[in-house]
Amino acid sequence: LLRAVAHLPRGMVVLPDLDQHLSEAQWEAIG
């Protein structure tokens, strides 16, 4: 459902607290 909302012409998904300061290596280390 969220994927569909994100692609609606007037839709958006707002997530809480996604850490965008993690490096790509740290993000991949989450597994």
All heavy atoms as atom14 arrays in JSON, in Angstrom:
{
  "sequence": "LLRAVAHLPRGMVVLPDLDQHLSEAQWEAIG",
  "atom14_mask": [
    [1, 1, 1, 1, 1, 1, 1, 1, 0, 0, 0, 0, 0, 0],
    [1, 1, 1, 1, 1, 1, 1, 1, 0, 0, 0, 0, 0, 0],
    [1, 1, 1, 1, 1, 1, 1, 1, 1, 1, 1, 0, 0, 0],
    [1, 1, 1, 1, 1, 0, 0, 0, 0, 0, 0, 0, 0, 0],
    [1, 1, 1, 1, 1, 1, 1, 0, 0, 0, 0, 0, 0, 0],
    [1, 1, 1, 1, 1, 0, 0, 0, 0, 0, 0, 0, 0, 0],
    [1, 1, 1, 1, 1, 1, 1, 1, 1, 1, 0, 0, 0, 0],
    [1, 1, 1, 1, 1, 1, 1, 1, 0, 0, 0, 0, 0, 0],
    [1, 1, 1, 1, 1, 1, 1, 0, 0, 0, 0, 0, 0, 0],
    [1, 1, 1, 1, 1, 1, 1, 1, 1, 1, 1, 0, 0, 0],
    [1, 1, 1, 1, 0, 0, 0, 0, 0, 0, 0, 0, 0, 0],
    [1, 1, 1, 1, 1, 1, 1, 1, 0, 0, 0, 0, 0, 0],
    [1, 1, 1, 1, 1, 1, 1, 0, 0, 0, 0, 0, 0, 0],
    [1, 1, 1, 1, 1, 1, 1, 0, 0, 0, 0, 0, 0, 0],
    [1, 1, 1, 1, 1, 1, 1, 1, 0, 0, 0, 0, 0, 0],
    [1, 1, 1, 1, 1, 1, 1, 0, 0, 0, 0, 0, 0, 0],
    [1, 1, 1, 1, 1, 1, 1, 1, 0, 0, 0, 0, 0, 0],
    [1, 1, 1, 1, 1, 1, 1, 1, 0, 0, 0, 0, 0, 0],
    [1, 1, 1, 1, 1, 1, 1, 1, 0, 0, 0, 0, 0, 0],
    [1, 1, 1, 1, 1, 1, 1, 1, 1, 0, 0, 0, 0, 0],
    [1, 1, 1, 1, 1, 1, 1, 1, 1, 1, 0, 0, 0, 0],
    [1, 1, 1, 1, 1, 1, 1, 1, 0, 0, 0, 0, 0, 0],
    [1, 1, 1, 1, 1, 1, 0, 0, 0, 0, 0, 0, 0, 0],
    [1, 1, 1, 1, 1, 1, 1, 1, 1, 0, 0, 0, 0, 0],
    [1, 1, 1, 1, 1, 0, 0, 0, 0, 0, 0, 0, 0, 0],
    [1, 1, 1, 1, 1, 1, 1, 1, 1, 0, 0, 0, 0, 0],
    [1, 1, 1, 1, 1, 1, 1, 1, 1, 1, 1, 1, 1, 1],
    [1, 1, 1, 1, 1, 1, 1, 1, 1, 0, 0, 0, 0, 0],
    [1, 1, 1, 1, 1, 0, 0, 0, 0, 0, 0, 0, 0, 0],
    [1, 1, 1, 1, 1, 1, 1, 1, 0, 0, 0, 0, 0, 0],
    [1, 1, 1, 1, 0, 0, 0, 0, 0, 0, 0, 0, 0, 0]
  ],
  "atom14_positions": [
    [[0.83, -1.2, 0.0], [0.0, 0.0, 0.0], [0.86, 1.26, 0.0], [0.6, 2.21, -0.75], [-0.92, -0.01, 1.22], [-1.81, 1.22, 1.4], [-2.77, 1.37, 0.22], [-2.6, 1.14, 2.7], [0.0, 0.0, 0.0], [0.0, 0.0, 0.0], [0.0, 0.0, 0.0], [0.0, 0.0, 0.0], [0.0, 0.0, 0.0], [0.0, 0.0, 0.0]],
    [[1.92, 1.28, 0.82], [2.8, 2.45, 0.86], [3.5, 2.66, -0.48], [3.71, 3.81, -0.9], [3.84, 2.29, 1.97], [3.31, 2.23, 3.4], [4.47, 2.29, 4.4], [2.33, 3.35, 3.69], [0.0, 0.0, 0.0], [0.0, 0.0, 0.0], [0.0, 0.0, 0.0], [0.0, 0.0, 0.0], [0.0, 0.0, 0.0], [0.0, 0.0, 0.0]],
    [[3.86, 1.58, -1.12], [4.48, 1.72, -2.45], [3.51, 2.37, -3.42], [3.9, 3.24, -4.22], [4.91, 0.35, -2.96], [5.55, 0.39, -4.33], [6.15, -0.95, -4.71], [6.86, -0.86, -5.99], [7.67, -1.79, -6.46], [7.89, -2.89, -5.75], [8.28, -1.63, -7.62], [0.0, 0.0, 0.0], [0.0, 0.0, 0.0], [0.0, 0.0, 0.0]],
    [[2.25, 1.96, -3.38], [1.25, 2.56, -4.25], [1.06, 4.04, -3.93], [0.97, 4.88, -4.84], [-0.08, 1.81, -4.12], [0.0, 0.0, 0.0], [0.0, 0.0, 0.0], [0.0, 0.0, 0.0], [0.0, 0.0, 0.0], [0.0, 0.0, 0.0], [0.0, 0.0, 0.0], [0.0, 0.0, 0.0], [0.0, 0.0, 0.0], [0.0, 0.0, 0.0]],
    [[1.01, 4.38, -2.64], [0.85, 5.78, -2.24], [2.01, 6.62, -2.73], [1.84, 7.75, -3.21], [0.71, 5.88, -0.71], [0.78, 7.34, -0.25], [-0.6, 5.25, -0.23], [0.0, 0.0, 0.0], [0.0, 0.0, 0.0], [0.0, 0.0, 0.0], [0.0, 0.0, 0.0], [0.0, 0.0, 0.0], [0.0, 0.0, 0.0], [0.0, 0.0, 0.0]],
    [[3.23, 6.09, -2.61], [4.42, 6.84, -3.02], [4.44, 7.15, -4.5], [5.11, 8.1, -4.93], [5.68, 6.07, -2.63], [0.0, 0.0, 0.0], [0.0, 0.0, 0.0], [0.0, 0.0, 0.0], [0.0, 0.0, 0.0], [0.0, 0.0, 0.0], [0.0, 0.0, 0.0], [0.0, 0.0, 0.0], [0.0, 0.0, 0.0], [0.0, 0.0, 0.0]],
    [[3.71, 6.38, -5.3], [3.7, 6.6, -6.75], [2.42, 7.26, -7.24], [2.23, 7.43, -8.45], [3.91, 5.27, -7.48], [5.31, 4.76, -7.41], [5.77, 3.97, -6.36], [6.39, 4.93, -8.24], [7.04, 3.67, -6.57], [7.44, 4.24, -7.69], [0.0, 0.0, 0.0], [0.0, 0.0, 0.0], [0.0, 0.0, 0.0], [0.0, 0.0, 0.0]],
    [[1.52, 7.63, -6.32], [0.33, 8.37, -6.73], [0.72, 9.77, -7.19], [1.66, 10.37, -6.65], [-0.66, 8.47, -5.57], [-1.37, 7.19, -5.11], [-2.21, 7.47, -3.87], [-2.22, 6.61, -6.22], [0.0, 0.0, 0.0], [0.0, 0.0, 0.0], [0.0, 0.0, 0.0], [0.0, 0.0, 0.0], [0.0, 0.0, 0.0], [0.0, 0.0, 0.0]],
    [[-0.01, 10.33, -8.15], [0.3, 11.7, -8.59], [0.24, 12.71, -7.45], [1.0, 13.68, -7.44], [-0.79, 11.98, -9.64], [-1.21, 10.63, -10.13], [-1.1, 9.72, -8.94], [0.0, 0.0, 0.0], [0.0, 0.0, 0.0], [0.0, 0.0, 0.0], [0.0, 0.0, 0.0], [0.0, 0.0, 0.0], [0.0, 0.0, 0.0], [0.0, 0.0, 0.0]],
    [[-0.66, 12.5, -6.47], [-0.78, 13.41, -5.34], [-0.55, 12.67, -4.03], [-1.14, 12.99, -3.01], [-2.15, 14.07, -5.33], [-2.48, 14.85, -6.6], [-3.73, 15.68, -6.41], [-3.56, 16.7, -5.39], [-4.57, 17.37, -4.83], [-5.82, 17.09, -5.17], [-4.33, 18.28, -3.91], [0.0, 0.0, 0.0], [0.0, 0.0, 0.0], [0.0, 0.0, 0.0]],
    [[0.34, 11.7, -4.06], [0.61, 10.91, -2.87], [2.02, 11.09, -2.37], [2.92, 11.5, -3.11], [0.0, 0.0, 0.0], [0.0, 0.0, 0.0], [0.0, 0.0, 0.0], [0.0, 0.0, 0.0], [0.0, 0.0, 0.0], [0.0, 0.0, 0.0], [0.0, 0.0, 0.0], [0.0, 0.0, 0.0], [0.0, 0.0, 0.0], [0.0, 0.0, 0.0]],
    [[2.22, 10.8, -1.1], [3.56, 10.81, -0.53], [3.58, 9.94, 0.72], [2.56, 9.74, 1.37], [4.03, 12.23, -0.2], [3.33, 12.87, 0.98], [3.98, 14.51, 1.36], [3.12, 15.48, 0.12], [0.0, 0.0, 0.0], [0.0, 0.0, 0.0], [0.0, 0.0, 0.0], [0.0, 0.0, 0.0], [0.0, 0.0, 0.0], [0.0, 0.0, 0.0]],
    [[4.76, 9.42, 1.03], [4.99, 8.64, 2.23], [5.98, 9.41, 3.08], [7.01, 9.88, 2.58], [5.54, 7.24, 1.9], [5.92, 6.49, 3.18], [4.52, 6.45, 1.1], [0.0, 0.0, 0.0], [0.0, 0.0, 0.0], [0.0, 0.0, 0.0], [0.0, 0.0, 0.0], [0.0, 0.0, 0.0], [0.0, 0.0, 0.0], [0.0, 0.0, 0.0]],
    [[5.66, 9.58, 4.37], [6.54, 10.3, 5.29], [6.95, 9.34, 6.39], [6.12, 8.89, 7.18], [5.83, 11.54, 5.89], [6.82, 12.32, 6.76], [5.29, 12.43, 4.79], [0.0, 0.0, 0.0], [0.0, 0.0, 0.0], [0.0, 0.0, 0.0], [0.0, 0.0, 0.0], [0.0, 0.0, 0.0], [0.0, 0.0, 0.0], [0.0, 0.0, 0.0]],
    [[8.24, 9.04, 6.44], [8.78, 8.08, 7.42], [9.39, 8.83, 8.6], [9.9, 9.93, 8.45], [9.84, 7.21, 6.76], [9.4, 6.37, 5.56], [10.6, 5.69, 4.94], [8.34, 5.36, 5.96], [0.0, 0.0, 0.0], [0.0, 0.0, 0.0], [0.0, 0.0, 0.0], [0.0, 0.0, 0.0], [0.0, 0.0, 0.0], [0.0, 0.0, 0.0]],
    [[9.38, 8.21, 9.77], [10.03, 8.84, 10.92], [11.47, 8.37, 11.09], [11.78, 7.18, 11.01], [9.16, 8.35, 12.1], [8.72, 6.99, 11.67], [8.59, 7.03, 10.16], [0.0, 0.0, 0.0], [0.0, 0.0, 0.0], [0.0, 0.0, 0.0], [0.0, 0.0, 0.0], [0.0, 0.0, 0.0], [0.0, 0.0, 0.0], [0.0, 0.0, 0.0]],
    [[12.37, 9.33, 11.28], [13.71, 9.04, 11.81], [14.6, 8.16, 10.94], [15.44, 7.42, 11.45], [13.62, 8.39, 13.2], [12.72, 9.14, 14.14], [12.44, 10.32, 13.87], [12.28, 8.56, 15.15], [0.0, 0.0, 0.0], [0.0, 0.0, 0.0], [0.0, 0.0, 0.0], [0.0, 0.0, 0.0], [0.0, 0.0, 0.0], [0.0, 0.0, 0.0]],
    [[14.45, 8.21, 9.62], [15.4, 7.48, 8.79], [16.77, 8.16, 8.9], [16.89, 9.36, 8.62], [14.94, 7.46, 7.33], [15.89, 6.76, 6.35], [15.97, 5.27, 6.65], [15.45, 6.99, 4.91], [0.0, 0.0, 0.0], [0.0, 0.0, 0.0], [0.0, 0.0, 0.0], [0.0, 0.0, 0.0], [0.0, 0.0, 0.0], [0.0, 0.0, 0.0]],
    [[17.77, 7.42, 9.3], [19.1, 7.98, 9.52], [19.84, 8.09, 8.19], [20.37, 7.11, 7.67], [19.9, 7.11, 10.49], [21.18, 7.78, 10.96], [21.59, 8.78, 10.34], [21.77, 7.31, 11.94], [0.0, 0.0, 0.0], [0.0, 0.0, 0.0], [0.0, 0.0, 0.0], [0.0, 0.0, 0.0], [0.0, 0.0, 0.0], [0.0, 0.0, 0.0]],
    [[19.87, 9.3, 7.65], [20.55, 9.51, 6.37], [22.01, 9.9, 6.53], [22.7, 10.18, 5.55], [19.8, 10.59, 5.58], [18.38, 10.17, 5.22], [17.66, 11.21, 4.39], [17.61, 12.37, 4.75], [17.1, 10.78, 3.26], [0.0, 0.0, 0.0], [0.0, 0.0, 0.0], [0.0, 0.0, 0.0], [0.0, 0.0, 0.0], [0.0, 0.0, 0.0]],
    [[22.48, 9.91, 7.79], [23.89, 10.2, 8.04], [24.74, 8.94, 8.07], [25.96, 9.02, 8.11], [24.04, 10.95, 9.37], [23.35, 12.29, 9.38], [23.8, 13.36, 8.64], [22.23, 12.7, 10.02], [22.98, 14.4, 8.84], [22.03, 14.02, 9.67], [0.0, 0.0, 0.0], [0.0, 0.0, 0.0], [0.0, 0.0, 0.0], [0.0, 0.0, 0.0]],
    [[24.09, 7.77, 8.06], [24.86, 6.54, 7.98], [25.55, 6.44, 6.63], [24.95, 6.75, 5.59], [23.94, 5.32, 8.15], [23.33, 5.05, 9.53], [22.39, 3.86, 9.45], [24.41, 4.81, 10.56], [0.0, 0.0, 0.0], [0.0, 0.0, 0.0], [0.0, 0.0, 0.0], [0.0, 0.0, 0.0], [0.0, 0.0, 0.0], [0.0, 0.0, 0.0]],
    [[26.81, 6.02, 6.64], [27.5, 5.8, 5.38], [26.92, 4.57, 4.7], [26.19, 3.78, 5.31], [29.0, 5.6, 5.62], [29.21, 4.38, 6.32], [0.0, 0.0, 0.0], [0.0, 0.0, 0.0], [0.0, 0.0, 0.0], [0.0, 0.0, 0.0], [0.0, 0.0, 0.0], [0.0, 0.0, 0.0], [0.0, 0.0, 0.0], [0.0, 0.0, 0.0]],
    [[27.24, 4.41, 3.43], [26.74, 3.24, 2.71], [27.25, 1.95, 3.34], [26.52, 0.95, 3.41], [27.15, 3.31, 1.24], [26.41, 2.35, 0.33], [24.91, 2.58, 0.3], [24.48, 3.74, 0.5], [24.16, 1.59, 0.08], [0.0, 0.0, 0.0], [0.0, 0.0, 0.0], [0.0, 0.0, 0.0], [0.0, 0.0, 0.0], [0.0, 0.0, 0.0]],
    [[28.47, 1.97, 3.83], [29.02, 0.78, 4.48], [28.27, 0.46, 5.77], [27.99, -0.71, 6.07], [30.51, 0.99, 4.77], [0.0, 0.0, 0.0], [0.0, 0.0, 0.0], [0.0, 0.0, 0.0], [0.0, 0.0, 0.0], [0.0, 0.0, 0.0], [0.0, 0.0, 0.0], [0.0, 0.0, 0.0], [0.0, 0.0, 0.0], [0.0, 0.0, 0.0]],
    [[27.94, 1.49, 6.53], [27.18, 1.27, 7.76], [25.77, 0.77, 7.46], [25.23, -0.08, 8.16], [27.12, 2.57, 8.56], [28.45, 3.0, 9.15], [28.4, 4.39, 9.75], [27.72, 5.27, 9.21], [29.1, 4.59, 10.85], [0.0, 0.0, 0.0], [0.0, 0.0, 0.0], [0.0, 0.0, 0.0], [0.0, 0.0, 0.0], [0.0, 0.0, 0.0]],
    [[25.17, 1.33, 6.41], [23.82, 0.9, 6.01], [23.82, -0.56, 5.6], [22.94, -1.34, 5.98], [23.33, 1.79, 4.87], [21.95, 1.51, 4.37], [21.61, 0.93, 3.19], [20.7, 1.83, 5.03], [20.24, 0.86, 3.06], [19.65, 1.4, 4.17], [20.37, 2.42, 6.24], [18.32, 1.56, 4.49], [19.03, 2.57, 6.56], [18.02, 2.15, 5.71]],
    [[24.84, -0.97, 4.83], [24.93, -2.36, 4.39], [25.26, -3.29, 5.55], [24.87, -4.47, 5.54], [25.98, -2.5, 3.28], [25.6, -1.83, 1.98], [24.28, -2.35, 1.42], [24.06, -3.58, 1.51], [23.48, -1.54, 0.92], [0.0, 0.0, 0.0], [0.0, 0.0, 0.0], [0.0, 0.0, 0.0], [0.0, 0.0, 0.0], [0.0, 0.0, 0.0]],
    [[25.96, -2.78, 6.57], [26.33, -3.61, 7.71], [25.12, -4.02, 8.54], [25.21, -4.95, 9.36], [27.34, -2.87, 8.6], [0.0, 0.0, 0.0], [0.0, 0.0, 0.0], [0.0, 0.0, 0.0], [0.0, 0.0, 0.0], [0.0, 0.0, 0.0], [0.0, 0.0, 0.0], [0.0, 0.0, 0.0], [0.0, 0.0, 0.0], [0.0, 0.0, 0.0]],
    [[23.98, -3.34, 8.36], [22.76, -3.74, 9.05], [22.34, -5.13, 8.59], [21.63, -5.85, 9.3], [21.64, -2.71, 8.8], [22.04, -1.35, 9.38], [20.31, -3.16, 9.39], [21.06, -0.24, 9.08], [0.0, 0.0, 0.0], [0.0, 0.0, 0.0], [0.0, 0.0, 0.0], [0.0, 0.0, 0.0], [0.0, 0.0, 0.0], [0.0, 0.0, 0.0]],
    [[22.81, -5.51, 7.41], [22.56, -6.86, 6.92], [21.42, -6.92, 5.93], [20.66, -5.96, 5.76], [0.0, 0.0, 0.0], [0.0, 0.0, 0.0], [0.0, 0.0, 0.0], [0.0, 0.0, 0.0], [0.0, 0.0, 0.0], [0.0, 0.0, 0.0], [0.0, 0.0, 0.0], [0.0, 0.0, 0.0], [0.0, 0.0, 0.0], [0.0, 0.0, 0.0]]
  ]
}
